[in-house]
Each structure stands twice: as structure tokens, then as C-alpha cells.
C-alpha atoms as a PDB file:
ATOM      1  CA  UNK A   1     104.016-100.316   7.597  1.00  0.00           C
ATOM      2  CA  UNK A   2     102.852 -98.227   4.576  1.00  0.00           C
ATOM      3  CA  UNK A   3     100.278 -95.524   5.365  1.00  0.00           C
ATOM      4  CA  UNK A   4      97.301 -94.344   3.092  1.00  0.00           C
ATOM      5  CA  UNK A   5      96.709 -97.775   1.304  1.00  0.00           C
ATOM      6  CA  UNK A   6      93.037 -97.609   0.013  1.00  0.00           C
ATOM      7  CA  UNK A   7      91.395-100.647   0.242  1.00  0.00           C
ATOM      8  CA  UNK A   8      87.736 -99.826   0.285  1.00  0.00           C
ATOM      9  CA  UNK A   9      87.702 -98.475  -3.106  1.00  0.00           C
ATOM     10  CA  UNK A  10      88.962 -99.590  -6.378  1.00  0.00           C
ATOM     11  CA  UNK A  11      91.592 -97.192  -8.156  1.00  0.00           C
ATOM     12  CA  UNK A  12      90.970 -97.497 -11.784  1.00  0.00           C
ATOM     13  CA  UNK A  13      94.545 -97.545 -12.816  1.00  0.00           C
ATOM     14  CA  UNK A  14      95.562-100.823 -10.348  1.00  0.00           C
ATOM     15  CA  UNK A  15      93.014-102.038 -11.796  1.00  0.00           C
ATOM     16  CA  UNK A  16      94.058-101.091 -15.203  1.00  0.00           C
ATOM     17  CA  UNK A  17      97.471-102.079 -14.240  1.00  0.00           C
ATOM     18  CA  UNK A  18      96.024-105.764 -13.167  1.00  0.00           C
ATOM     19  CA  UNK A  19      93.777-105.984 -16.552  1.00  0.00           C
ATOM     20  CA  UNK A  20      97.512-105.350 -18.251  1.00  0.00           C
ATOM     21  CA  UNK A  21      99.113-108.318 -16.358  1.00  0.00           C
ATOM     22  CA  UNK A  22      96.577-110.897 -16.190  1.00  0.00           C
ATOM     23  CA  UNK A  23      93.849-110.470 -19.304  1.00  0.00           C
ATOM     24  CA  UNK A  24      96.235-110.959 -22.367  1.00  0.00           C
ATOM     25  CA  UNK A  25      97.340-114.404 -20.824  1.00  0.00           C
ATOM     26  CA  UNK A  26      95.134-117.550 -22.790  1.00  0.00           C
ATOM     27  CA  UNK A  27      95.135-119.556 -19.513  1.00  0.00           C
ATOM     28  CA  UNK A  28      94.140-116.910 -17.212  1.00  0.00           C
ATOM     29  CA  UNK A  29      90.718-118.293 -15.280  1.00  0.00           C
ATOM     30  CA  UNK A  30      87.673-116.471 -16.095  1.00  0.00           C
ATOM     31  CA  UNK A  31      86.612-113.586 -13.032  1.00  0.00           C
ATOM     32  CA  UNK A  32      84.356-115.197 -10.531  1.00  0.00           C
ATOM     33  CA  UNK A  33      81.512-112.735 -10.934  1.00  0.00           C
ATOM     34  CA  UNK A  34      80.159-110.717  -8.359  1.00  0.00           C
ATOM     35  CA  UNK A  35      77.636-112.478  -7.162  1.00  0.00           C
ATOM     36  CA  UNK A  36      80.068-115.362  -6.120  1.00  0.00           C
ATOM     37  CA  UNK A  37      82.130-112.494  -4.727  1.00  0.00           C
ATOM     38  CA  UNK A  38      79.297-111.147  -2.361  1.00  0.00           C
ATOM     39  CA  UNK A  39      78.383-114.670  -1.583  1.00  0.00           C
ATOM     40  CA  UNK A  40      81.961-115.429  -0.311  1.00  0.00           C
ATOM     41  CA  UNK A  41      82.208-112.391   1.515  1.00  0.00           C
ATOM     42  CA  UNK A  42      78.795-112.815   3.048  1.00  0.00           C
ATOM     43  CA  UNK A  43      79.462-116.831   4.348  1.00  0.00           C
ATOM     44  CA  UNK A  44      82.863-115.552   5.963  1.00  0.00           C
ATOM     45  CA  UNK A  45      81.901-112.250   7.582  1.00  0.00           C
ATOM     46  CA  UNK A  46      84.397-110.281   5.358  1.00  0.00           C
ATOM     47  CA  UNK A  47      84.433-107.792   2.660  1.00  0.00           C
ATOM     48  CA  UNK A  48      87.791-108.573   0.540  1.00  0.00           C
ATOM     49  CA  UNK A  49      90.276-105.707   0.118  1.00  0.00           C
ATOM     50  CA  UNK A  50      90.444-103.442  -3.065  1.00  0.00           C
ATOM     51  CA  UNK A  51      92.100-103.983  -5.721  1.00  0.00           C
ATOM     52  CA  UNK A  52      91.629-107.535  -5.727  1.00  0.00           C
ATOM     53  CA  UNK A  53      88.342-107.494  -4.827  1.00  0.00           C
ATOM     54  CA  UNK A  54      87.047-105.752  -8.270  1.00  0.00           C
ATOM     55  CA  UNK A  55      90.023-108.084  -9.735  1.00  0.00           C
ATOM     56  CA  UNK A  56      88.027-111.543  -8.947  1.00  0.00           C
ATOM     57  CA  UNK A  57      84.969-110.440  -9.981  1.00  0.00           C
ATOM     58  CA  UNK A  58      85.936-108.692 -13.178  1.00  0.00           C
ATOM     59  CA  UNK A  59      89.023-109.499 -14.542  1.00  0.00           C
ATOM     60  CA  UNK A  60      90.177-113.009 -13.624  1.00  0.00           C
ATOM     61  CA  UNK A  61      90.206-115.371 -10.877  1.00  0.00           C
ATOM     62  CA  UNK A  62      93.046-117.465 -10.957  1.00  0.00           C
ATOM     63  CA  UNK A  63      96.371-118.416 -13.429  1.00  0.00           C
ATOM     64  CA  UNK A  64      98.522-121.133 -13.222  1.00  0.00           C
ATOM     65  CA  UNK A  65     101.094-119.277 -14.680  1.00  0.00           C
ATOM     66  CA  UNK A  66     101.362-117.229 -11.260  1.00  0.00           C
ATOM     67  CA  UNK A  67     102.365-115.466  -9.431  1.00  0.00           C
ATOM     68  CA  UNK A  68     103.428-117.239  -7.404  1.00  0.00           C
ATOM     69  CA  UNK A  69     105.543-120.502  -8.661  1.00  0.00           C
ATOM     70  CA  UNK A  70     102.978-122.795  -8.734  1.00  0.00           C
ATOM     71  CA  UNK A  71     100.062-120.367  -9.851  1.00  0.00           C
ATOM     72  CA  UNK A  72      97.215-117.931  -8.292  1.00  0.00           C
ATOM     73  CA  UNK A  73      94.617-119.731  -6.497  1.00  0.00           C
ATOM     74  CA  UNK A  74      91.014-118.928  -7.271  1.00  0.00           C
ATOM     75  CA  UNK A  75      90.010-116.747  -5.179  1.00  0.00           C
ATOM     76  CA  UNK A  76      88.062-119.316  -2.649  1.00  0.00           C
ATOM     77  CA  UNK A  77      90.892-122.521  -2.525  1.00  0.00           C
ATOM     78  CA  UNK A  78      93.767-123.114  -1.380  1.00  0.00           C
ATOM     79  CA  UNK A  79      96.684-125.046  -2.446  1.00  0.00           C
ATOM     80  CA  UNK A  80      96.476-128.879  -2.703  1.00  0.00           C
ATOM     81  CA  UNK A  81      99.160-129.104  -0.071  1.00  0.00           C
ATOM     82  CA  UNK A  82      97.589-127.282   2.110  1.00  0.00           C
ATOM     83  CA  UNK A  83      96.328-130.671   3.950  1.00  0.00           C
ATOM     84  CA  UNK A  84      92.978-131.645   5.516  1.00  0.00           C
ATOM     85  CA  UNK A  85      94.167-131.573   8.822  1.00  0.00           C
ATOM     86  CA  UNK A  86      94.663-127.971   9.564  1.00  0.00           C
ATOM     87  CA  UNK A  87      92.531-125.686  12.560  1.00  0.00           C
ATOM     88  CA  UNK A  88      89.672-123.805  10.363  1.00  0.00           C
ATOM     89  CA  UNK A  89      90.159-120.568   8.596  1.00  0.00           C
ATOM     90  CA  UNK A  90      88.800-118.042  10.465  1.00  0.00           C
ATOM     91  CA  UNK A  91      88.799-115.169   7.946  1.00  0.00           C
ATOM     92  CA  UNK A  92      86.614-112.868   9.970  1.00  0.00           C
ATOM     93  CA  UNK A  93      89.336-113.213  13.033  1.00  0.00           C
ATOM     94  CA  UNK A  94      91.875-109.925  12.530  1.00  0.00           C
ATOM     95  CA  UNK A  95      95.171-111.061  11.307  1.00  0.00           C
ATOM     96  CA  UNK A  96      97.714-110.946  14.066  1.00  0.00           C
ATOM     97  CA  UNK A  97     100.938-108.965  13.126  1.00  0.00           C
ATOM     98  CA  UNK A  98     102.129-105.268  12.288  1.00  0.00           C
ATOM     99  CA  UNK A  99     105.607-107.136  11.422  1.00  0.00           C
ATOM    100  CA  UNK A 100     107.854-109.593  10.495  1.00  0.00           C
ATOM    101  CA  UNK A 101     108.221-112.552  13.015  1.00  0.00           C
ATOM    102  CA  UNK A 102     110.591-115.715  12.549  1.00  0.00           C
ATOM    103  CA  UNK A 103     109.625-117.742  14.899  1.00  0.00           C
ATOM    104  CA  UNK A 104     112.035-120.912  14.048  1.00  0.00           C
ATOM    105  CA  UNK A 105     114.905-120.799  17.021  1.00  0.00           C
ATOM    106  CA  UNK A 106     113.647-117.463  18.558  1.00  0.00           C
ATOM    107  CA  UNK A 107     114.305-118.067  22.171  1.00  0.00           C
ATOM    108  CA  UNK A 108     112.903-114.956  23.035  1.00  0.00           C
ATOM    109  CA  UNK A 109     109.452-116.697  22.791  1.00  0.00           C
ATOM    110  CA  UNK A 110     110.799-120.285  23.638  1.00  0.00           C
ATOM    111  CA  UNK A 111     111.610-118.576  27.043  1.00  0.00           C
ATOM    112  CA  UNK A 112     108.399-116.081  27.094  1.00  0.00           C
ATOM    113  CA  UNK A 113     105.834-118.877  25.805  1.00  0.00           C
ATOM    114  CA  UNK A 114     104.598-122.653  26.421  1.00  0.00           C
ATOM    115  CA  UNK A 115     104.521-124.648  23.477  1.00  0.00           C
ATOM    116  CA  UNK A 116     100.929-124.880  23.226  1.00  0.00           C
ATOM    117  CA  UNK A 117     100.991-120.710  23.417  1.00  0.00           C
ATOM    118  CA  UNK A 118     103.301-120.586  20.972  1.00  0.00           C
ATOM    119  CA  UNK A 119     101.385-123.068  18.769  1.00  0.00           C
ATOM    120  CA  UNK A 120      98.256-120.898  18.932  1.00  0.00           C
ATOM    121  CA  UNK A 121     100.261-117.837  18.075  1.00  0.00           C
ATOM    122  CA  UNK A 122     101.791-119.268  14.942  1.00  0.00           C
ATOM    123  CA  UNK A 123      98.247-121.297  14.032  1.00  0.00           C
ATOM    124  CA  UNK A 124      96.719-117.900  14.106  1.00  0.00           C
ATOM    125  CA  UNK A 125      99.178-116.177  11.720  1.00  0.00           C
ATOM    126  CA  UNK A 126      98.492-119.024   9.256  1.00  0.00           C
ATOM    127  CA  UNK A 127      94.175-119.203   9.457  1.00  0.00           C
ATOM    128  CA  UNK A 128      93.034-115.843  10.907  1.00  0.00           C
ATOM    129  CA  UNK A 129      92.264-112.592   8.386  1.00  0.00           C
ATOM    130  CA  UNK A 130      93.920-113.900   5.129  1.00  0.00           C
ATOM    131  CA  UNK A 131      92.987-115.584   1.940  1.00  0.00           C
ATOM    132  CA  UNK A 132      95.486-117.803   0.185  1.00  0.00           C
ATOM    133  CA  UNK A 133      97.014-116.467  -3.029  1.00  0.00           C
ATOM    134  CA  UNK A 134      99.081-119.658  -3.777  1.00  0.00           C
ATOM    135  CA  UNK A 135     102.711-121.210  -2.995  1.00  0.00           C
ATOM    136  CA  UNK A 136     106.107-121.337  -4.286  1.00  0.00           C
ATOM    137  CA  UNK A 137     106.583-124.662  -2.720  1.00  0.00           C
ATOM    138  CA  UNK A 138     108.444-126.289   0.422  1.00  0.00           C
ATOM    139  CA  UNK A 139     105.792-124.500   2.555  1.00  0.00           C
ATOM    140  CA  UNK A 140     106.096-121.167   1.479  1.00  0.00           C
ATOM    141  CA  UNK A 141     102.523-119.657   1.156  1.00  0.00           C
ATOM    142  CA  UNK A 142     101.597-116.025   0.177  1.00  0.00           C
ATOM    143  CA  UNK A 143      98.826-114.921   1.993  1.00  0.00           C
ATOM    144  CA  UNK A 144      96.263-111.726   1.270  1.00  0.00           C
ATOM    145  CA  UNK A 145      95.124-109.892   4.501  1.00  0.00           C
ATOM    146  CA  UNK A 146      91.568-109.352   4.549  1.00  0.00           C
ATOM    147  CA  UNK A 147      90.899-108.261   8.160  1.00  0.00           C
ATOM    148  CA  UNK A 148      93.035-106.269  11.149  1.00  0.00           C
ATOM    149  CA  UNK A 149      95.692-103.742  10.629  1.00  0.00           C
ATOM    150  CA  UNK A 150      97.273-105.271   7.531  1.00  0.00           C
ATOM    151  CA  UNK A 151      94.387-105.472   5.348  1.00  0.00           C
ATOM    152  CA  UNK A 152      95.564-105.059   2.176  1.00  0.00           C
ATOM    153  CA  UNK A 153      99.014-106.341   2.424  1.00  0.00           C
ATOM    154  CA  UNK A 154     100.225-109.545   0.885  1.00  0.00           C
ATOM    155  CA  UNK A 155     102.508-112.076   3.467  1.00  0.00           C
ATOM    156  CA  UNK A 156     105.061-114.457   3.363  1.00  0.00           C
ATOM    157  CA  UNK A 157     104.314-117.247   5.977  1.00  0.00           C
ATOM    158  CA  UNK A 158     106.218-120.596   6.247  1.00  0.00           C
ATOM    159  CA  UNK A 159     107.732-122.855   8.730  1.00  0.00           C
ATOM    160  CA  UNK A 160     110.279-120.406   9.833  1.00  0.00           C
ATOM    161  CA  UNK A 161     107.898-117.080  10.158  1.00  0.00           C
ATOM    162  CA  UNK A 162     105.936-114.334   8.423  1.00  0.00           C
ATOM    163  CA  UNK A 163     107.474-111.551   6.305  1.00  0.00           C
ATOM    164  CA  UNK A 164     105.325-108.672   4.761  1.00  0.00           C
ATOM    165  CA  UNK A 165     105.932-107.646   0.946  1.00  0.00           C
ATOM    166  CA  UNK A 166     106.704-104.768   0.135  1.00  0.00           C
ATOM    167  CA  UNK A 167     106.873-102.293   3.273  1.00  0.00           C
ATOM    168  CA  UNK A 168     108.763 -99.740   0.932  1.00  0.00           C
ATOM    169  CA  UNK A 169     110.825 -99.806  -2.118  1.00  0.00           C
ATOM    170  CA  UNK A 170     114.173-100.439  -0.303  1.00  0.00           C
ATOM    171  CA  UNK A 171     113.191-102.625   2.137  1.00  0.00           C
ATOM    172  CA  UNK A 172     115.362-105.936   3.360  1.00  0.00           C
ATOM    173  CA  UNK A 173     114.489-108.683   2.683  1.00  0.00           C
ATOM    174  CA  UNK A 174     111.565-107.931   0.679  1.00  0.00           C
ATOM    175  CA  UNK A 175     111.485-104.769  -1.379  1.00  0.00           C
ATOM    176  CA  UNK A 176     108.924-103.291  -3.495  1.00  0.00           C
ATOM    177  CA  UNK A 177     105.121-101.729  -3.642  1.00  0.00           C
ATOM    178  CA  UNK A 178     102.852-102.984  -0.962  1.00  0.00           C
ATOM    179  CA  UNK A 179      99.273-104.366  -1.763  1.00  0.00           C
ATOM    180  CA  UNK A 180      97.994-107.000  -4.573  1.00  0.00           C
ATOM    181  CA  UNK A 181      98.815-104.684  -7.340  1.00  0.00           C
ATOM    182  CA  UNK A 182     102.129-104.258  -6.710  1.00  0.00           C
ATOM    183  CA  UNK A 183     102.972-107.853  -5.475  1.00  0.00           C
ATOM    184  CA  UNK A 184     101.909-109.255  -9.020  1.00  0.00           C
ATOM    185  CA  UNK A 185     103.652-106.104 -10.660  1.00  0.00           C
ATOM    186  CA  UNK A 186     107.070-107.291  -9.137  1.00  0.00           C
ATOM    187  CA  UNK A 187     105.909-111.059 -10.713  1.00  0.00           C
ATOM    188  CA  UNK A 188     105.435-109.690 -13.658  1.00  0.00           C
ATOM    189  CA  UNK A 189     108.384-107.967 -14.006  1.00  0.00           C
ATOM    190  CA  UNK A 190     110.221-110.796 -13.233  1.00  0.00           C
ATOM    191  CA  UNK A 191     112.198-109.873 -10.137  1.00  0.00           C
ATOM    192  CA  UNK A 192     113.171-111.802  -7.406  1.00  0.00           C
ATOM    193  CA  UNK A 193     110.987-111.865  -4.236  1.00  0.00           C
ATOM    194  CA  UNK A 194     114.269-111.009  -2.183  1.00  0.00           C
ATOM    195  CA  UNK A 195     116.924-108.670  -2.140  1.00  0.00           C
ATOM    196  CA  UNK A 196     120.311-109.215  -1.201  1.00  0.00           C
ATOM    197  CA  UNK A 197     121.557-107.888   2.235  1.00  0.00           C
ATOM    198  CA  UNK A 198     122.201-103.982   2.170  1.00  0.00           C
ATOM    199  CA  UNK A 199     125.908-103.373   0.385  1.00  0.00           C
ATOM    200  CA  UNK A 200     125.717-106.373  -1.548  1.00  0.00           C
ATOM    201  CA  UNK A 201     124.460-104.447  -4.795  1.00  0.00           C
ATOM    202  CA  UNK A 202     127.523-104.655  -6.925  1.00  0.00           C
ATOM    203  CA  UNK A 203     126.560-101.189  -8.377  1.00  0.00           C
ATOM    204  CA  UNK A 204     126.085 -99.728  -5.087  1.00  0.00           C
ATOM    205  CA  UNK A 205     129.199-100.542  -4.042  1.00  0.00           C
ATOM    206  CA  UNK A 206     130.902 -98.554  -7.254  1.00  0.00           C
END
């Protein structure tokens, strides 16, 4: 994991980069304002990580164009396909992962854990310590971690597992710059979330 991400103080350069991406778009939702942000934080017992916190308060609180594919959600919402029968989302509980966990067909986990224990761990990944940014469809949800060691990182979580975005510029399978600004910039540049396996780059092989 990347070290030194500043989630407590808003970097003016990061905020400027976010403003450049989102503010000119006519379909961008207006900022939520500081009163709404602080009320949400008090209600959930958290503080949103910077620069996302200042971004939703002062720049933009949602964009139908993305990121991700079905739009950047207002900060207090969940996707329409999230479902009403899911466990309660507990933002103040620490996000439980530090590195990728692919639970689909994971024989080691299936042998070490009972079905109930495995489901409880998976539920915690989906519902503890993260804010939903939006969905790419097919059950692929993007989360911004708000509590725990991964605070400030963006994670992709779906039925197969969970992995962080941009742990370094060259990390397979999701290279990039970590954090909300890196994630949004990656999208604005029209880049794919996923890189090909090492050695698949034709320029690299040339």
C-alpha cells in the first residue's frame, strides 16, 4: 500500500485538479455544502477523508457522467441496485482489508472458515468503513474507504472479491495513483481501470 496519503488536510493542488474535472460539466450536481457534510459525519460517527470531503462540500456532489459508468453518487446515497435487504452499513467500523481478497472459488478460505464466518467477513468488506461512490453495473461497486488503515483509498468490490485501485503506477491489475483524486483523474483521462497482465504491452515487448 502507498504510504503518506494525506487524508486530514485538503491539498489545494488536488482540489484544483478535481475542480477542473468536474466544475465545467453542466450536468454536475451542486456541492452539498459544509452543513450537510458535517451533519452526515456526526450521524455516522466519522470524518470523510480529504480531498473528497472538501470536494463534495465545495465543488460537486454527484455527476451522472461518472466516474464510474453509472455516475458518481451524491455522498449520502447508495446505488439504486444496492438492494433494501442488505445488512446495515456501518461507516464507523474499520474497513477490514489491507490488500486484495478474491473470495470466489478460494479453497483456502472455504476450508478455514465456515459458511457463516465467510459470509460475515464478506459482509464486513461491503458494509464496514466505506462510502459508496457508484457502480459499473453487474454488481461492481466502487467504495471510498473512510475508516481504518485504508482510509482514503478507493476499492472495487464485487461478487468475486475486493481490490484497491492504484496502489502504485505499475501495479497489476489496477495501476494508477491512489486516492479519490487519482481515481477521478484516471477516469477523466479515458483510461481503462484494468491493465493487461505483465508482458502483454506490445510496446514493452518491442
